[in-house]
Amino acid sequence: MELKNDTIINVAQLMKEDIGAARKVRVALDWFALDQDLMAKDVTADLRMTRITYGILASGQVAGTAMVECVRCLELYEQPFAADFDQEYRPTIDVRSGVALDQPAADEELGVIDAAHELDLAEPMRQVAILDLPIKPVCREDCAGLEQDDAGEDEAVDRRLGVLSQLLAADDETPDDQ
């Protein structure tokens, strides 16, 4: 099965099968929001959806290219990522009887299979993609960073830092033999 530009999949049929039954799913997204100001493009995920005792286990790999900002030059560049993930999903409604099921504690990190028997793969894909990105992204090893303007002596000093400049000037006037 292949999902194009969608992360929601109906698992009603898989929930009716015996424990151990599995389906392979491929997700392909042109664009995917990783965070408020972080986007990824050409995201793919190859997954195995397995029926387990209490729900569905989605496991697989997600890969793509994130548009990140270099910490040195502040330019956007493309950063590839690839990460494995496993996410367990529990149903809210019994697929055969339609009866509401007891939900696990809120502190358990489980996905939800909603009343329409659909689960959303977006959150685990987003989390592992973000974790695979570098903390301090650099566009290339030889990135020089922002152009630095050498501040001249005659330039105005920020008044909040004026006290520090006075201390530095006083330190320069103090003889070294103390």
C-alpha atoms as a PDB file:
ATOM      1  CA  MET A   1       0.000   0.000   0.000  1.00  0.00           C
ATOM      2  CA  GLU A   2       1.260   3.509  -0.754  1.00  0.00           C
ATOM      3  CA  LEU A   3       0.150   6.809   0.752  1.00  0.00           C
ATOM      4  CA  LYS A   4       0.889   9.946  -1.268  1.00  0.00           C
ATOM      5  CA  ASN A   5       1.017  13.254   0.689  1.00  0.00           C
ATOM      6  CA  ASP A   6      -0.923  11.713   3.577  1.00  0.00           C
ATOM      7  CA  THR A   7       0.072  10.135   6.892  1.00  0.00           C
ATOM      8  CA  ILE A   8      -3.313   8.764   7.983  1.00  0.00           C
ATOM      9  CA  ILE A   9      -4.062   5.116   7.306  1.00  0.00           C
ATOM     10  CA  ASN A  10      -7.181   3.035   7.954  1.00  0.00           C
ATOM     11  CA  VAL A  11      -6.304  -0.130   9.873  1.00  0.00           C
ATOM     12  CA  ALA A  12      -9.792  -1.615  10.411  1.00  0.00           C
ATOM     13  CA  GLN A  13      -9.067  -4.686   8.297  1.00  0.00           C
ATOM     14  CA  LEU A  14      -5.699  -5.288   9.978  1.00  0.00           C
ATOM     15  CA  MET A  15      -7.333  -4.968  13.431  1.00  0.00           C
ATOM     16  CA  LYS A  16      -9.736  -7.812  12.493  1.00  0.00           C
ATOM     17  CA  GLU A  17      -6.876 -10.161  11.631  1.00  0.00           C
ATOM     18  CA  ASP A  18      -4.944 -12.481  13.927  1.00  0.00           C
ATOM     19  CA  ILE A  19      -2.007 -11.319  16.031  1.00  0.00           C
ATOM     20  CA  GLY A  20       1.123 -11.254  13.895  1.00  0.00           C
ATOM     21  CA  ALA A  21      -0.620 -10.269  10.664  1.00  0.00           C
ATOM     22  CA  ALA A  22       1.308  -7.523   8.875  1.00  0.00           C
ATOM     23  CA  ARG A  23       1.053  -5.011   6.034  1.00  0.00           C
ATOM     24  CA  LYS A  24       3.779  -3.033   4.313  1.00  0.00           C
ATOM     25  CA  VAL A  25       3.085   0.653   3.790  1.00  0.00           C
ATOM     26  CA  ARG A  26       5.074   3.275   1.910  1.00  0.00           C
ATOM     27  CA  VAL A  27       4.461   6.950   2.682  1.00  0.00           C
ATOM     28  CA  ALA A  28       5.656   9.632   0.261  1.00  0.00           C
ATOM     29  CA  LEU A  29       5.327  13.310   1.159  1.00  0.00           C
ATOM     30  CA  ASP A  30       6.352  16.221  -1.060  1.00  0.00           C
ATOM     31  CA  TRP A  31       6.510  18.581   1.969  1.00  0.00           C
ATOM     32  CA  PHE A  32       6.298  17.787   5.678  1.00  0.00           C
ATOM     33  CA  ALA A  33       6.238  20.244   8.593  1.00  0.00           C
ATOM     34  CA  LEU A  34       8.747  19.134  11.232  1.00  0.00           C
ATOM     35  CA  ASP A  35       8.235  22.169  13.448  1.00  0.00           C
ATOM     36  CA  GLN A  36       6.749  25.647  13.300  1.00  0.00           C
ATOM     37  CA  ASP A  37       9.652  26.986  11.205  1.00  0.00           C
ATOM     38  CA  LEU A  38      11.233  23.747   9.977  1.00  0.00           C
ATOM     39  CA  MET A  39      10.144  22.009   6.785  1.00  0.00           C
ATOM     40  CA  ALA A  40      11.275  18.832   5.075  1.00  0.00           C
ATOM     41  CA  LYS A  41      10.840  17.835   1.461  1.00  0.00           C
ATOM     42  CA  ASP A  42      10.810  14.530  -0.421  1.00  0.00           C
ATOM     43  CA  VAL A  43      10.042  12.589   2.764  1.00  0.00           C
ATOM     44  CA  THR A  44       9.547   8.840   2.446  1.00  0.00           C
ATOM     45  CA  ALA A  45       8.765   6.198   5.020  1.00  0.00           C
ATOM     46  CA  ASP A  46       8.833   2.443   4.527  1.00  0.00           C
ATOM     47  CA  LEU A  47       6.806   0.798   7.274  1.00  0.00           C
ATOM     48  CA  ARG A  48       5.634  -2.537   8.509  1.00  0.00           C
ATOM     49  CA  MET A  49       2.282  -2.432  10.304  1.00  0.00           C
ATOM     50  CA  THR A  50       1.949  -5.472  12.575  1.00  0.00           C
ATOM     51  CA  ARG A  51      -1.136  -6.578  14.506  1.00  0.00           C
ATOM     52  CA  ILE A  52      -0.158  -7.034  18.156  1.00  0.00           C
ATOM     53  CA  THR A  53      -2.186  -8.073  21.201  1.00  0.00           C
ATOM     54  CA  TYR A  54      -3.500  -4.625  22.077  1.00  0.00           C
ATOM     55  CA  GLY A  55      -3.316  -2.806  18.753  1.00  0.00           C
ATOM     56  CA  ILE A  56      -0.867  -2.068  15.931  1.00  0.00           C
ATOM     57  CA  LEU A  57       2.911  -1.715  15.920  1.00  0.00           C
ATOM     58  CA  ALA A  58       4.225   0.565  13.157  1.00  0.00           C
ATOM     59  CA  SER A  59       7.951   0.169  12.586  1.00  0.00           C
ATOM     60  CA  GLY A  60      10.168   1.329   9.781  1.00  0.00           C
ATOM     61  CA  GLN A  61      12.427   4.048   8.488  1.00  0.00           C
ATOM     62  CA  VAL A  62      11.764   7.662   7.537  1.00  0.00           C
ATOM     63  CA  ALA A  63      14.098   9.654   5.272  1.00  0.00           C
ATOM     64  CA  GLY A  64      14.038  13.033   3.591  1.00  0.00           C
ATOM     65  CA  THR A  65      15.694  16.418   3.309  1.00  0.00           C
ATOM     66  CA  ALA A  66      15.143  19.173   5.869  1.00  0.00           C
ATOM     67  CA  MET A  67      15.577  22.852   5.093  1.00  0.00           C
ATOM     68  CA  VAL A  68      17.747  24.064   8.001  1.00  0.00           C
ATOM     69  CA  GLU A  69      19.657  27.241   8.803  1.00  0.00           C
ATOM     70  CA  CYS A  70      23.445  27.115   9.100  1.00  0.00           C
ATOM     71  CA  VAL A  71      24.569  28.327  12.545  1.00  0.00           C
ATOM     72  CA  ARG A  72      27.624  30.021  11.028  1.00  0.00           C
ATOM     73  CA  CYS A  73      26.360  31.918   7.975  1.00  0.00           C
ATOM     74  CA  LEU A  74      22.593  31.805   8.724  1.00  0.00           C
ATOM     75  CA  GLU A  75      21.794  30.641   5.181  1.00  0.00           C
ATOM     76  CA  LEU A  76      19.234  27.892   4.537  1.00  0.00           C
ATOM     77  CA  TYR A  77      20.595  24.639   3.186  1.00  0.00           C
ATOM     78  CA  GLU A  78      19.348  21.096   2.605  1.00  0.00           C
ATOM     79  CA  GLN A  79      20.200  18.587   5.354  1.00  0.00           C
ATOM     80  CA  PRO A  80      19.387  14.931   4.645  1.00  0.00           C
ATOM     81  CA  PHE A  81      18.044  12.743   7.446  1.00  0.00           C
ATOM     82  CA  ALA A  82      17.205   9.072   7.892  1.00  0.00           C
ATOM     83  CA  ALA A  83      16.011   7.392  11.072  1.00  0.00           C
ATOM     84  CA  ASP A  84      14.275   4.239  12.270  1.00  0.00           C
ATOM     85  CA  PHE A  85      11.214   4.303  14.489  1.00  0.00           C
ATOM     86  CA  ASP A  86       8.691   2.103  16.269  1.00  0.00           C
ATOM     87  CA  GLN A  87       5.321   3.337  17.464  1.00  0.00           C
ATOM     88  CA  GLU A  88       2.581   1.368  19.169  1.00  0.00           C
ATOM     89  CA  TYR A  89      -1.028   2.377  18.523  1.00  0.00           C
ATOM     90  CA  ARG A  90      -4.036   1.403  20.626  1.00  0.00           C
ATOM     91  CA  PRO A  91      -7.675   1.517  19.462  1.00  0.00           C
ATOM     92  CA  THR A  92     -10.293   3.676  21.162  1.00  0.00           C
ATOM     93  CA  ILE A  93     -13.175   1.534  19.819  1.00  0.00           C
ATOM     94  CA  ASP A  94     -13.343  -2.236  19.389  1.00  0.00           C
ATOM     95  CA  VAL A  95     -13.377  -2.872  15.640  1.00  0.00           C
ATOM     96  CA  ARG A  96     -15.810  -5.812  15.865  1.00  0.00           C
ATOM     97  CA  SER A  97     -18.326  -4.639  18.472  1.00  0.00           C
ATOM     98  CA  GLY A  98     -18.014  -0.838  18.388  1.00  0.00           C
ATOM     99  CA  VAL A  99     -17.645  -0.726  22.178  1.00  0.00           C
ATOM    100  CA  ALA A 100     -15.374   1.940  23.653  1.00  0.00           C
ATOM    101  CA  LEU A 101     -12.151   0.514  25.072  1.00  0.00           C
ATOM    102  CA  ASP A 102     -10.264   1.474  28.209  1.00  0.00           C
ATOM    103  CA  GLN A 103      -7.428   3.830  27.360  1.00  0.00           C
ATOM    104  CA  PRO A 104      -3.894   3.529  28.694  1.00  0.00           C
ATOM    105  CA  ALA A 105      -2.478   6.088  31.120  1.00  0.00           C
ATOM    106  CA  ALA A 106      -1.659   9.473  29.625  1.00  0.00           C
ATOM    107  CA  ASP A 107       2.042   9.106  30.473  1.00  0.00           C
ATOM    108  CA  GLU A 108       2.370   6.087  28.169  1.00  0.00           C
ATOM    109  CA  GLU A 109       3.639   7.203  24.783  1.00  0.00           C
ATOM    110  CA  LEU A 110       1.159   5.384  22.607  1.00  0.00           C
ATOM    111  CA  GLY A 111      -0.500   6.477  19.410  1.00  0.00           C
ATOM    112  CA  VAL A 112      -4.278   6.373  19.038  1.00  0.00           C
ATOM    113  CA  ILE A 113      -6.408   4.466  16.574  1.00  0.00           C
ATOM    114  CA  ASP A 114      -9.480   6.699  16.410  1.00  0.00           C
ATOM    115  CA  ALA A 115     -13.185   5.835  16.135  1.00  0.00           C
ATOM    116  CA  ALA A 116     -12.860   5.640  12.338  1.00  0.00           C
ATOM    117  CA  HIS A 117     -10.103   3.003  12.830  1.00  0.00           C
ATOM    118  CA  GLU A 118      -7.433   5.331  11.467  1.00  0.00           C
ATOM    119  CA  LEU A 119      -3.984   6.048  12.828  1.00  0.00           C
ATOM    120  CA  ASP A 120      -1.731   8.983  12.023  1.00  0.00           C
ATOM    121  CA  LEU A 121       1.955   8.320  11.350  1.00  0.00           C
ATOM    122  CA  ALA A 122       2.918  12.023  11.301  1.00  0.00           C
ATOM    123  CA  GLU A 123       3.989  12.450  14.934  1.00  0.00           C
ATOM    124  CA  PRO A 124       6.479   9.569  15.216  1.00  0.00           C
ATOM    125  CA  MET A 125       7.865  10.442  11.764  1.00  0.00           C
ATOM    126  CA  ARG A 126       8.279  14.076  12.818  1.00  0.00           C
ATOM    127  CA  GLN A 127       9.940  13.224  16.131  1.00  0.00           C
ATOM    128  CA  VAL A 128      12.578  10.877  14.725  1.00  0.00           C
ATOM    129  CA  ALA A 129      13.319  13.235  11.824  1.00  0.00           C
ATOM    130  CA  ILE A 130      13.986  16.125  14.221  1.00  0.00           C
ATOM    131  CA  LEU A 131      16.153  13.932  16.454  1.00  0.00           C
ATOM    132  CA  ASP A 132      18.260  12.894  13.456  1.00  0.00           C
ATOM    133  CA  LEU A 133      19.079  16.507  12.517  1.00  0.00           C
ATOM    134  CA  PRO A 134      22.299  18.028  13.878  1.00  0.00           C
ATOM    135  CA  ILE A 135      21.993  20.282  16.929  1.00  0.00           C
ATOM    136  CA  LYS A 136      24.279  22.896  15.344  1.00  0.00           C
ATOM    137  CA  PRO A 137      23.794  22.513  11.601  1.00  0.00           C
ATOM    138  CA  VAL A 138      26.643  23.721   9.392  1.00  0.00           C
ATOM    139  CA  CYS A 139      26.123  24.019   5.633  1.00  0.00           C
ATOM    140  CA  ARG A 140      29.692  22.889   4.857  1.00  0.00           C
ATOM    141  CA  GLU A 141      32.879  22.277   6.846  1.00  0.00           C
ATOM    142  CA  ASP A 142      34.670  25.330   5.435  1.00  0.00           C
ATOM    143  CA  CYS A 143      31.778  27.735   6.096  1.00  0.00           C
ATOM    144  CA  ALA A 144      33.386  30.988   7.254  1.00  0.00           C
ATOM    145  CA  GLY A 145      30.250  32.319   8.868  1.00  0.00           C
ATOM    146  CA  LEU A 146      28.931  35.852   8.774  1.00  0.00           C
ATOM    147  CA  GLU A 147      31.163  38.624   7.515  1.00  0.00           C
ATOM    148  CA  GLN A 148      32.621  40.411  10.515  1.00  0.00           C
ATOM    149  CA  ASP A 149      32.989  44.179  10.536  1.00  0.00           C
ATOM    150  CA  ASP A 150      35.878  45.248  12.772  1.00  0.00           C
ATOM    151  CA  ALA A 151      34.510  47.815  15.193  1.00  0.00           C
ATOM    152  CA  GLY A 152      36.643  50.931  15.281  1.00  0.00           C
ATOM    153  CA  GLU A 153      37.670  52.771  18.430  1.00  0.00           C
ATOM    154  CA  ASP A 154      35.511  55.765  17.528  1.00  0.00           C
ATOM    155  CA  GLU A 155      32.261  53.790  17.190  1.00  0.00           C
ATOM    156  CA  ALA A 156      29.591  54.359  19.808  1.00  0.00           C
ATOM    157  CA  VAL A 157      29.464  51.830  22.611  1.00  0.00           C
ATOM    158  CA  ASP A 158      26.125  50.375  23.624  1.00  0.00           C
ATOM    159  CA  ARG A 159      25.245  52.204  26.855  1.00  0.00           C
ATOM    160  CA  ARG A 160      24.414  48.902  28.544  1.00  0.00           C
ATOM    161  CA  LEU A 161      27.996  47.778  27.967  1.00  0.00           C
ATOM    162  CA  GLY A 162      29.571  51.138  28.804  1.00  0.00           C
ATOM    163  CA  VAL A 163      30.455  50.001  32.327  1.00  0.00           C
ATOM    164  CA  LEU A 164      32.363  47.056  30.935  1.00  0.00           C
ATOM    165  CA  SER A 165      34.356  49.252  28.577  1.00  0.00           C
ATOM    166  CA  GLN A 166      35.254  51.499  31.546  1.00  0.00           C
ATOM    167  CA  LEU A 167      36.435  48.455  33.499  1.00  0.00           C
ATOM    168  CA  LEU A 168      38.535  47.288  30.552  1.00  0.00           C
ATOM    169  CA  ALA A 169      40.035  50.744  30.180  1.00  0.00           C
ATOM    170  CA  ALA A 170      40.821  50.864  33.913  1.00  0.00           C
ATOM    171  CA  ASP A 171      42.373  47.397  33.692  1.00  0.00           C
ATOM    172  CA  ASP A 172      44.633  48.564  30.838  1.00  0.00           C
ATOM    173  CA  GLU A 173      45.852  51.484  32.961  1.00  0.00           C
ATOM    174  CA  THR A 174      46.701  49.285  35.980  1.00  0.00           C
ATOM    175  CA  PRO A 175      50.412  48.339  36.181  1.00  0.00           C
ATOM    176  CA  ASP A 176      51.177  44.646  35.753  1.00  0.00           C
ATOM    177  CA  ASP A 177      53.496  44.522  38.801  1.00  0.00           C
ATOM    178  CA  GLN A 178      50.675  44.366  41.363  1.00  0.00           C
END
